[in-house]
Amino acid sequence: MQNYINIFLKDHFADSISTRIAVRSLFFDLPENVENEVIIIDFSGIEFISLSAAHELNLFFRKFTEKGNKVEFLHTSDKVNRMLSKAKEPQKKNRPKQKTKHISFRSSKELINYFSNI
């Protein structure tokens, strides 16, 4: 027999989820050895999730489904669905490197002179 774990996001957030830490805190009390469970995450009333929070939620999803659990997202808005989908896309690794010049100043006078010449 499968057990159901219901997580109602509205009990923890107003109408948006903005950080990875916020998502991590949701699952902090969930035991690591959860197996063959159905975890239902209810998005009722949640209108926005940031990309970083959606990515963290996808990591949770992958971690728990690998252990034989089933994770279901219920009542997701169009905005939330788009962000969850975007978070699943592979990140671009070949961004052009930016050149950075490090400078130091021996006095505040040098600093002021530097910025006055920009």
Foldseek 3Di string as FASTA:
>chain_A
DAAEAEAECVVQDQQEAEALVSLCVSCVPPDLLDARYEYEYENVRHQYYDLRNLLSVVVVCVSHVVRHYHYHYHDHDPRSVVSNVVSPDDDDDDDDDDDDDDDDDPDVVVVVVVVVVD
